[in-house]
Amino acid sequence: MKAYTIVAVVLIAVGILGLAYGHFSYNKDSQAAKLGPIELTITEKKTVNIPVWAGAGSIVVGAAMLVFALMKR
């Protein structure tokens, strides 16, 4: 039952972070061309938006799991 509680708390934390930040960015390196010993690489900055419903849903599911775990005790 302890793992169930940990998963619930992690879901709540992820949901709060998702609502607070709304997006995250990362860099993607891709090889554009390779001509003998010369390589041309491109670094692209990608942004992923986190929907509000996903953050709120994560909080609701985590809270429900936490209440269920506490009621089982």
PDB file of N, CA and C in Angstrom:
ATOM      1  N   MET A   1       0.815  -1.187   0.000  1.00  0.00           N
ATOM      2  CA  MET A   1       0.000   0.000   0.000  1.00  0.00           C
ATOM      3  C   MET A   1       0.863   1.256   0.000  1.00  0.00           C
ATOM      4  N   LYS A   2       2.092   1.147   0.468  1.00  0.00           N
ATOM      5  CA  LYS A   2       2.983   2.294   0.514  1.00  0.00           C
ATOM      6  C   LYS A   2       3.315   2.796  -0.897  1.00  0.00           C
ATOM      7  N   ALA A   3       3.518   1.896  -1.849  1.00  0.00           N
ATOM      8  CA  ALA A   3       3.818   2.291  -3.233  1.00  0.00           C
ATOM      9  C   ALA A   3       2.630   3.021  -3.839  1.00  0.00           C
ATOM     10  N   TYR A   4       1.425   2.612  -3.482  1.00  0.00           N
ATOM     11  CA  TYR A   4       0.208   3.244  -3.972  1.00  0.00           C
ATOM     12  C   TYR A   4       0.153   4.705  -3.517  1.00  0.00           C
ATOM     13  N   THR A   5       0.532   4.948  -2.259  1.00  0.00           N
ATOM     14  CA  THR A   5       0.552   6.304  -1.711  1.00  0.00           C
ATOM     15  C   THR A   5       1.621   7.142  -2.396  1.00  0.00           C
ATOM     16  N   ILE A   6       2.770   6.569  -2.655  1.00  0.00           N
ATOM     17  CA  ILE A   6       3.855   7.295  -3.326  1.00  0.00           C
ATOM     18  C   ILE A   6       3.433   7.692  -4.732  1.00  0.00           C
ATOM     19  N   VAL A   7       2.791   6.793  -5.459  1.00  0.00           N
ATOM     20  CA  VAL A   7       2.310   7.101  -6.808  1.00  0.00           C
ATOM     21  C   VAL A   7       1.283   8.235  -6.755  1.00  0.00           C
ATOM     22  N   ALA A   8       0.411   8.214  -5.757  1.00  0.00           N
ATOM     23  CA  ALA A   8      -0.597   9.262  -5.612  1.00  0.00           C
ATOM     24  C   ALA A   8       0.048  10.620  -5.376  1.00  0.00           C
ATOM     25  N   VAL A   9       1.042  10.677  -4.510  1.00  0.00           N
ATOM     26  CA  VAL A   9       1.726  11.942  -4.219  1.00  0.00           C
ATOM     27  C   VAL A   9       2.493  12.431  -5.446  1.00  0.00           C
ATOM     28  N   VAL A  10       3.105  11.525  -6.185  1.00  0.00           N
ATOM     29  CA  VAL A  10       3.828  11.909  -7.405  1.00  0.00           C
ATOM     30  C   VAL A  10       2.847  12.466  -8.446  1.00  0.00           C
ATOM     31  N   LEU A  11       1.691  11.849  -8.607  1.00  0.00           N
ATOM     32  CA  LEU A  11       0.688  12.353  -9.548  1.00  0.00           C
ATOM     33  C   LEU A  11       0.231  13.758  -9.168  1.00  0.00           C
ATOM     34  N   ILE A  12       0.026  13.992  -7.885  1.00  0.00           N
ATOM     35  CA  ILE A  12      -0.385  15.323  -7.434  1.00  0.00           C
ATOM     36  C   ILE A  12       0.709  16.334  -7.719  1.00  0.00           C
ATOM     37  N   ALA A  13       1.966  15.979  -7.435  1.00  0.00           N
ATOM     38  CA  ALA A  13       3.090  16.900  -7.677  1.00  0.00           C
ATOM     39  C   ALA A  13       3.257  17.200  -9.167  1.00  0.00           C
ATOM     40  N   VAL A  14       3.135  16.187  -9.996  1.00  0.00           N
ATOM     41  CA  VAL A  14       3.264  16.381 -11.447  1.00  0.00           C
ATOM     42  C   VAL A  14       2.123  17.266 -11.958  1.00  0.00           C
ATOM     43  N   GLY A  15       0.929  17.072 -11.443  1.00  0.00           N
ATOM     44  CA  GLY A  15      -0.203  17.898 -11.841  1.00  0.00           C
ATOM     45  C   GLY A  15      -0.019  19.350 -11.455  1.00  0.00           C
ATOM     46  N   ILE A  16       0.497  19.597 -10.248  1.00  0.00           N
ATOM     47  CA  ILE A  16       0.748  20.972  -9.814  1.00  0.00           C
ATOM     48  C   ILE A  16       1.826  21.620 -10.673  1.00  0.00           C
ATOM     49  N   LEU A  17       2.895  20.884 -10.953  1.00  0.00           N
ATOM     50  CA  LEU A  17       3.954  21.427 -11.810  1.00  0.00           C
ATOM     51  C   LEU A  17       3.445  21.684 -13.222  1.00  0.00           C
ATOM     52  N   GLY A  18       2.597  20.807 -13.731  1.00  0.00           N
ATOM     53  CA  GLY A  18       2.035  20.991 -15.070  1.00  0.00           C
ATOM     54  C   GLY A  18       1.168  22.234 -15.154  1.00  0.00           C
ATOM     55  N   LEU A  19       0.394  22.489 -14.107  1.00  0.00           N
ATOM     56  CA  LEU A  19      -0.438  23.688 -14.093  1.00  0.00           C
ATOM     57  C   LEU A  19       0.394  24.951 -13.887  1.00  0.00           C
ATOM     58  N   ALA A  20       1.452  24.849 -13.094  1.00  0.00           N
ATOM     59  CA  ALA A  20       2.268  26.021 -12.787  1.00  0.00           C
ATOM     60  C   ALA A  20       3.093  26.467 -13.999  1.00  0.00           C
ATOM     61  N   TYR A  21       3.712  25.520 -14.695  1.00  0.00           N
ATOM     62  CA  TYR A  21       4.590  25.882 -15.803  1.00  0.00           C
ATOM     63  C   TYR A  21       3.885  25.896 -17.153  1.00  0.00           C
ATOM     64  N   GLY A  22       3.034  24.951 -17.417  1.00  0.00           N
ATOM     65  CA  GLY A  22       2.266  24.947 -18.651  1.00  0.00           C
ATOM     66  C   GLY A  22       2.988  24.406 -19.869  1.00  0.00           C
ATOM     67  N   HIS A  23       4.302  24.351 -19.853  1.00  0.00           N
ATOM     68  CA  HIS A  23       5.066  23.822 -20.985  1.00  0.00           C
ATOM     69  C   HIS A  23       6.486  23.502 -20.532  1.00  0.00           C
ATOM     70  N   PHE A  24       7.190  22.708 -21.345  1.00  0.00           N
ATOM     71  CA  PHE A  24       8.619  22.493 -21.125  1.00  0.00           C
ATOM     72  C   PHE A  24       9.312  22.450 -22.476  1.00  0.00           C
ATOM     73  N   SER A  25      10.586  22.800 -22.462  1.00  0.00           N
ATOM     74  CA  SER A  25      11.368  22.864 -23.697  1.00  0.00           C
ATOM     75  C   SER A  25      12.549  21.905 -23.621  1.00  0.00           C
ATOM     76  N   TYR A  26      12.982  21.455 -24.796  1.00  0.00           N
ATOM     77  CA  TYR A  26      14.170  20.623 -24.897  1.00  0.00           C
ATOM     78  C   TYR A  26      14.842  20.894 -26.230  1.00  0.00           C
ATOM     79  N   ASN A  27      16.115  20.533 -26.322  1.00  0.00           N
ATOM     80  CA  ASN A  27      16.882  20.716 -27.547  1.00  0.00           C
ATOM     81  C   ASN A  27      17.005  19.383 -28.270  1.00  0.00           C
ATOM     82  N   LYS A  28      16.831  19.429 -29.593  1.00  0.00           N
ATOM     83  CA  LYS A  28      16.940  18.232 -30.413  1.00  0.00           C
ATOM     84  C   LYS A  28      18.041  18.458 -31.447  1.00  0.00           C
ATOM     85  N   ASP A  29      19.050  17.616 -31.419  1.00  0.00           N
ATOM     86  CA  ASP A  29      20.129  17.694 -32.400  1.00  0.00           C
ATOM     87  C   ASP A  29      19.813  16.758 -33.562  1.00  0.00           C
ATOM     88  N   SER A  30      19.996  17.265 -34.777  1.00  0.00           N
ATOM     89  CA  SER A  30      19.803  16.420 -35.947  1.00  0.00           C
ATOM     90  C   SER A  30      20.937  16.665 -36.932  1.00  0.00           C
ATOM     91  N   GLN A  31      21.315  15.620 -37.614  1.00  0.00           N
ATOM     92  CA  GLN A  31      22.405  15.699 -38.578  1.00  0.00           C
ATOM     93  C   GLN A  31      21.828  16.109 -39.932  1.00  0.00           C
ATOM     94  N   ALA A  32      22.254  17.267 -40.422  1.00  0.00           N
ATOM     95  CA  ALA A  32      21.727  17.778 -41.683  1.00  0.00           C
ATOM     96  C   ALA A  32      22.492  17.225 -42.878  1.00  0.00           C
ATOM     97  N   ALA A  33      23.811  17.194 -42.774  1.00  0.00           N
ATOM     98  CA  ALA A  33      24.606  16.706 -43.905  1.00  0.00           C
ATOM     99  C   ALA A  33      25.941  16.188 -43.407  1.00  0.00           C
ATOM    100  N   LYS A  34      26.498  15.226 -44.144  1.00  0.00           N
ATOM    101  CA  LYS A  34      27.818  14.697 -43.822  1.00  0.00           C
ATOM    102  C   LYS A  34      28.565  14.527 -45.143  1.00  0.00           C
ATOM    103  N   LEU A  35      29.578  15.346 -45.327  1.00  0.00           N
ATOM    104  CA  LEU A  35      30.395  15.299 -46.538  1.00  0.00           C
ATOM    105  C   LEU A  35      31.832  14.968 -46.133  1.00  0.00           C
ATOM    106  N   GLY A  36      32.151  13.700 -46.187  1.00  0.00           N
ATOM    107  CA  GLY A  36      33.485  13.268 -45.771  1.00  0.00           C
ATOM    108  C   GLY A  36      33.681  13.533 -44.283  1.00  0.00           C
ATOM    109  N   PRO A  37      34.771  14.235 -43.926  1.00  0.00           N
ATOM    110  CA  PRO A  37      35.017  14.493 -42.505  1.00  0.00           C
ATOM    111  C   PRO A  37      34.204  15.673 -41.953  1.00  0.00           C
ATOM    112  N   ILE A  38      33.464  16.345 -42.784  1.00  0.00           N
ATOM    113  CA  ILE A  38      32.702  17.519 -42.352  1.00  0.00           C
ATOM    114  C   ILE A  38      31.253  17.113 -42.080  1.00  0.00           C
ATOM    115  N   GLU A  39      30.786  17.458 -40.865  1.00  0.00           N
ATOM    116  CA  GLU A  39      29.402  17.178 -40.494  1.00  0.00           C
ATOM    117  C   GLU A  39      28.694  18.488 -40.193  1.00  0.00           C
ATOM    118  N   LEU A  40      27.466  18.576 -40.609  1.00  0.00           N
ATOM    119  CA  LEU A  40      26.644  19.740 -40.323  1.00  0.00           C
ATOM    120  C   LEU A  40      25.488  19.278 -39.451  1.00  0.00           C
ATOM    121  N   THR A  41      25.423  19.791 -38.224  1.00  0.00           N
ATOM    122  CA  THR A  41      24.335  19.438 -37.314  1.00  0.00           C
ATOM    123  C   THR A  41      23.511  20.673 -36.996  1.00  0.00           C
ATOM    124  N   ILE A  42      22.241  20.446 -36.755  1.00  0.00           N
ATOM    125  CA  ILE A  42      21.308  21.519 -36.436  1.00  0.00           C
ATOM    126  C   ILE A  42      20.701  21.226 -35.070  1.00  0.00           C
ATOM    127  N   THR A  43      20.687  22.245 -34.215  1.00  0.00           N
ATOM    128  CA  THR A  43      20.052  22.124 -32.914  1.00  0.00           C
ATOM    129  C   THR A  43      18.745  22.902 -32.947  1.00  0.00           C
ATOM    130  N   GLU A  44      17.656  22.186 -32.719  1.00  0.00           N
ATOM    131  CA  GLU A  44      16.332  22.803 -32.712  1.00  0.00           C
ATOM    132  C   GLU A  44      15.806  22.834 -31.288  1.00  0.00           C
ATOM    133  N   LYS A  45      15.206  23.947 -30.897  1.00  0.00           N
ATOM    134  CA  LYS A  45      14.565  24.037 -29.590  1.00  0.00           C
ATOM    135  C   LYS A  45      13.089  23.705 -29.769  1.00  0.00           C
ATOM    136  N   LYS A  46      12.645  22.648 -29.116  1.00  0.00           N
ATOM    137  CA  LYS A  46      11.259  22.201 -29.208  1.00  0.00           C
ATOM    138  C   LYS A  46      10.542  22.547 -27.903  1.00  0.00           C
ATOM    139  N   THR A  47       9.281  22.899 -28.001  1.00  0.00           N
ATOM    140  CA  THR A  47       8.457  23.206 -26.835  1.00  0.00           C
ATOM    141  C   THR A  47       7.225  22.313 -26.849  1.00  0.00           C
ATOM    142  N   VAL A  48       6.948  21.704 -25.711  1.00  0.00           N
ATOM    143  CA  VAL A  48       5.780  20.848 -25.554  1.00  0.00           C
ATOM    144  C   VAL A  48       4.836  21.533 -24.571  1.00  0.00           C
ATOM    145  N   ASN A  49       3.619  21.824 -25.009  1.00  0.00           N
ATOM    146  CA  ASN A  49       2.620  22.433 -24.141  1.00  0.00           C
ATOM    147  C   ASN A  49       1.875  21.349 -23.373  1.00  0.00           C
ATOM    148  N   ILE A  50       1.643  21.594 -22.088  1.00  0.00           N
ATOM    149  CA  ILE A  50       0.907  20.661 -21.245  1.00  0.00           C
ATOM    150  C   ILE A  50      -0.515  21.195 -21.104  1.00  0.00           C
ATOM    151  N   PRO A  51      -1.512  20.444 -21.549  1.00  0.00           N
ATOM    152  CA  PRO A  51      -2.889  20.928 -21.448  1.00  0.00           C
ATOM    153  C   PRO A  51      -3.327  21.081 -19.988  1.00  0.00           C
ATOM    154  N   VAL A  52      -4.195  22.036 -19.752  1.00  0.00           N
ATOM    155  CA  VAL A  52      -4.695  22.280 -18.397  1.00  0.00           C
ATOM    156  C   VAL A  52      -5.461  21.056 -17.891  1.00  0.00           C
ATOM    157  N   TRP A  53      -6.205  20.412 -18.779  1.00  0.00           N
ATOM    158  CA  TRP A  53      -6.987  19.251 -18.350  1.00  0.00           C
ATOM    159  C   TRP A  53      -6.084  18.108 -17.888  1.00  0.00           C
ATOM    160  N   ALA A  54      -4.885  17.997 -18.453  1.00  0.00           N
ATOM    161  CA  ALA A  54      -3.970  16.928 -18.043  1.00  0.00           C
ATOM    162  C   ALA A  54      -3.436  17.192 -16.632  1.00  0.00           C
ATOM    163  N   GLY A  55      -3.076  18.441 -16.345  1.00  0.00           N
ATOM    164  CA  GLY A  55      -2.601  18.785 -15.005  1.00  0.00           C
ATOM    165  C   GLY A  55      -3.687  18.617 -13.966  1.00  0.00           C
ATOM    166  N   ALA A  56      -4.883  19.127 -14.281  1.00  0.00           N
ATOM    167  CA  ALA A  56      -5.998  19.015 -13.334  1.00  0.00           C
ATOM    168  C   ALA A  56      -6.415  17.555 -13.143  1.00  0.00           C
ATOM    169  N   GLY A  57      -6.418  16.795 -14.222  1.00  0.00           N
ATOM    170  CA  GLY A  57      -6.763  15.376 -14.131  1.00  0.00           C
ATOM    171  C   GLY A  57      -5.777  14.595 -13.290  1.00  0.00           C
ATOM    172  N   SER A  58      -4.507  14.938 -13.422  1.00  0.00           N
ATOM    173  CA  SER A  58      -3.479  14.273 -12.629  1.00  0.00           C
ATOM    174  C   SER A  58      -3.672  14.555 -11.140  1.00  0.00           C
ATOM    175  N   ILE A  59      -4.031  15.793 -10.814  1.00  0.00           N
ATOM    176  CA  ILE A  59      -4.274  16.144  -9.410  1.00  0.00           C
ATOM    177  C   ILE A  59      -5.496  15.399  -8.878  1.00  0.00           C
ATOM    178  N   VAL A  60      -6.566  15.342  -9.654  1.00  0.00           N
ATOM    179  CA  VAL A  60      -7.794  14.673  -9.219  1.00  0.00           C
ATOM    180  C   VAL A  60      -7.560  13.179  -9.017  1.00  0.00           C
ATOM    181  N   VAL A  61      -6.889  12.543  -9.958  1.00  0.00           N
ATOM    182  CA  VAL A  61      -6.620  11.099  -9.842  1.00  0.00           C
ATOM    183  C   VAL A  61      -5.693  10.828  -8.663  1.00  0.00           C
ATOM    184  N   GLY A  62      -4.661  11.643  -8.497  1.00  0.00           N
ATOM    185  CA  GLY A  62      -3.741  11.470  -7.370  1.00  0.00           C
ATOM    186  C   GLY A  62      -4.441  11.655  -6.036  1.00  0.00           C
ATOM    187  N   ALA A  63      -5.314  12.663  -5.942  1.00  0.00           N
ATOM    188  CA  ALA A  63      -6.053  12.894  -4.698  1.00  0.00           C
ATOM    189  C   ALA A  63      -7.004  11.733  -4.404  1.00  0.00           C
ATOM    190  N   ALA A  64      -7.668  11.227  -5.430  1.00  0.00           N
ATOM    191  CA  ALA A  64      -8.573  10.083  -5.239  1.00  0.00           C
ATOM    192  C   ALA A  64      -7.794   8.851  -4.778  1.00  0.00           C
ATOM    193  N   MET A  65      -6.636   8.630  -5.361  1.00  0.00           N
ATOM    194  CA  MET A  65      -5.812   7.493  -4.937  1.00  0.00           C
ATOM    195  C   MET A  65      -5.349   7.657  -3.495  1.00  0.00           C
ATOM    196  N   LEU A  66      -5.000   8.882  -3.125  1.00  0.00           N
ATOM    197  CA  LEU A  66      -4.528   9.142  -1.762  1.00  0.00           C
ATOM    198  C   LEU A  66      -5.654   8.936  -0.750  1.00  0.00           C
ATOM    199  N   VAL A  67      -6.836   9.411  -1.084  1.00  0.00           N
ATOM    200  CA  VAL A  67      -7.995   9.209  -0.181  1.00  0.00           C
ATOM    201  C   VAL A  67      -8.307   7.721  -0.060  1.00  0.00           C
ATOM    202  N   PHE A  68      -8.267   7.008  -1.172  1.00  0.00           N
ATOM    203  CA  PHE A  68      -8.525   5.578  -1.144  1.00  0.00           C
ATOM    204  C   PHE A  68      -7.486   4.844  -0.284  1.00  0.00           C
ATOM    205  N   ALA A  69      -6.216   5.236  -0.414  1.00  0.00           N
ATOM    206  CA  ALA A  69      -5.151   4.585   0.361  1.00  0.00           C
ATOM    207  C   ALA A  69      -5.320   4.875   1.846  1.00  0.00           C
ATOM    208  N   LEU A  70      -5.728   6.074   2.208  1.00  0.00           N
ATOM    209  CA  LEU A  70      -5.913   6.418   3.608  1.00  0.00           C
ATOM    210  C   LEU A  70      -7.149   5.743   4.193  1.00  0.00           C
ATOM    211  N   MET A  71      -8.175   5.536   3.380  1.00  0.00           N
ATOM    212  CA  MET A  71      -9.380   4.860   3.859  1.00  0.00           C
ATOM    213  C   MET A  71      -9.133   3.373   4.065  1.00  0.00           C
ATOM    214  N   LYS A  72      -8.221   2.788   3.317  1.00  0.00           N
ATOM    215  CA  LYS A  72      -7.898   1.352   3.447  1.00  0.00           C
ATOM    216  C   LYS A  72      -7.202   1.060   4.776  1.00  0.00           C
ATOM    217  N   ARG A  73      -6.511   2.069   5.315  1.00  0.00           N
ATOM    218  CA  ARG A  73      -5.786   1.868   6.587  1.00  0.00           C
ATOM    219  C   ARG A  73      -6.793   1.702   7.651  1.00  0.00           C
TER     220      ARG A  73
END
